[in-house]
Amino acid sequence: MTIRYRFSGHETFPFRYLWPQKGVRGLTDNPSLFFRENAIVRLGVGKNMVSSIRFWC
């Protein structure tokens, strides 16, 4: 049996290269970023993508 690993599947969005950078920069500026209503604007992504970035970070 071969195990296949993948970087995809959270909120139907595959892992994106710049997400960790956006997430870490955002958390450095504001540790509660992912729980704020303006996270969509601060990260420049949609609501579901905010959840995915939080997951991947």
Protein backbone atom coordinates (compact mmCIF):
# COMPACT_ATOMS: atom_id res chain seq x y z
CA MET A 1 0.00 0.00 0.00
CA THR A 2 1.41 3.36 -1.05
CA ILE A 3 0.60 6.45 1.02
CA ARG A 4 0.05 9.58 -1.03
CA TYR A 5 0.46 12.92 0.65
CA ARG A 6 -1.10 16.08 -0.68
CA PHE A 7 -1.25 19.75 0.20
CA SER A 8 -4.86 20.45 -0.61
CA GLY A 9 -8.35 19.89 0.57
CA HIS A 10 -9.04 22.52 3.24
CA GLU A 11 -12.13 24.58 2.37
CA THR A 12 -11.62 23.22 -1.18
CA PHE A 13 -8.55 25.44 -1.64
CA PRO A 14 -5.16 23.86 -2.33
CA PHE A 15 -2.15 25.17 -0.46
CA ARG A 16 -0.93 28.43 -1.96
CA TYR A 17 2.68 29.49 -1.84
CA LEU A 18 2.15 33.00 -0.39
CA TRP A 19 -0.39 32.07 2.30
CA PRO A 20 2.12 31.35 5.08
CA GLN A 21 3.87 34.65 4.34
CA LYS A 22 0.57 36.58 4.45
CA GLY A 23 -0.52 34.78 7.60
CA VAL A 24 2.72 35.27 9.51
CA ARG A 25 3.00 38.93 8.52
CA GLY A 26 -0.60 39.50 9.54
CA LEU A 27 -0.13 37.76 12.88
CA THR A 28 3.03 39.73 13.57
CA ASP A 29 1.08 42.97 13.16
CA ASN A 30 -2.03 41.72 14.94
CA PRO A 31 -2.03 38.42 16.91
CA SER A 32 -5.84 38.20 16.80
CA LEU A 33 -6.01 38.78 13.02
CA PHE A 34 -7.88 35.60 12.15
CA PHE A 35 -10.65 36.39 14.62
CA ARG A 36 -11.27 39.96 13.48
CA GLU A 37 -13.97 41.00 11.03
CA ASN A 38 -11.47 42.93 8.89
CA ALA A 39 -9.23 39.89 8.27
CA ILE A 40 -10.67 39.68 4.75
CA VAL A 41 -9.45 43.18 3.97
CA ARG A 42 -6.12 42.85 5.82
CA LEU A 43 -5.19 39.64 4.00
CA GLY A 44 -6.77 40.61 0.68
CA VAL A 45 -8.64 37.32 0.25
CA GLY A 46 -12.18 36.01 0.59
CA LYS A 47 -13.84 34.85 3.81
CA ASN A 48 -13.28 31.15 3.17
CA MET A 49 -9.66 31.77 2.23
CA VAL A 50 -9.07 33.45 5.62
CA SER A 51 -10.12 30.17 7.23
CA SER A 52 -7.78 28.24 4.93
CA ILE A 53 -4.82 30.51 5.67
CA ARG A 54 -5.46 30.08 9.40
CA PHE A 55 -5.54 26.30 8.90
CA TRP A 56 -2.28 26.20 6.92
CA CYS A 57 -0.47 28.55 9.30
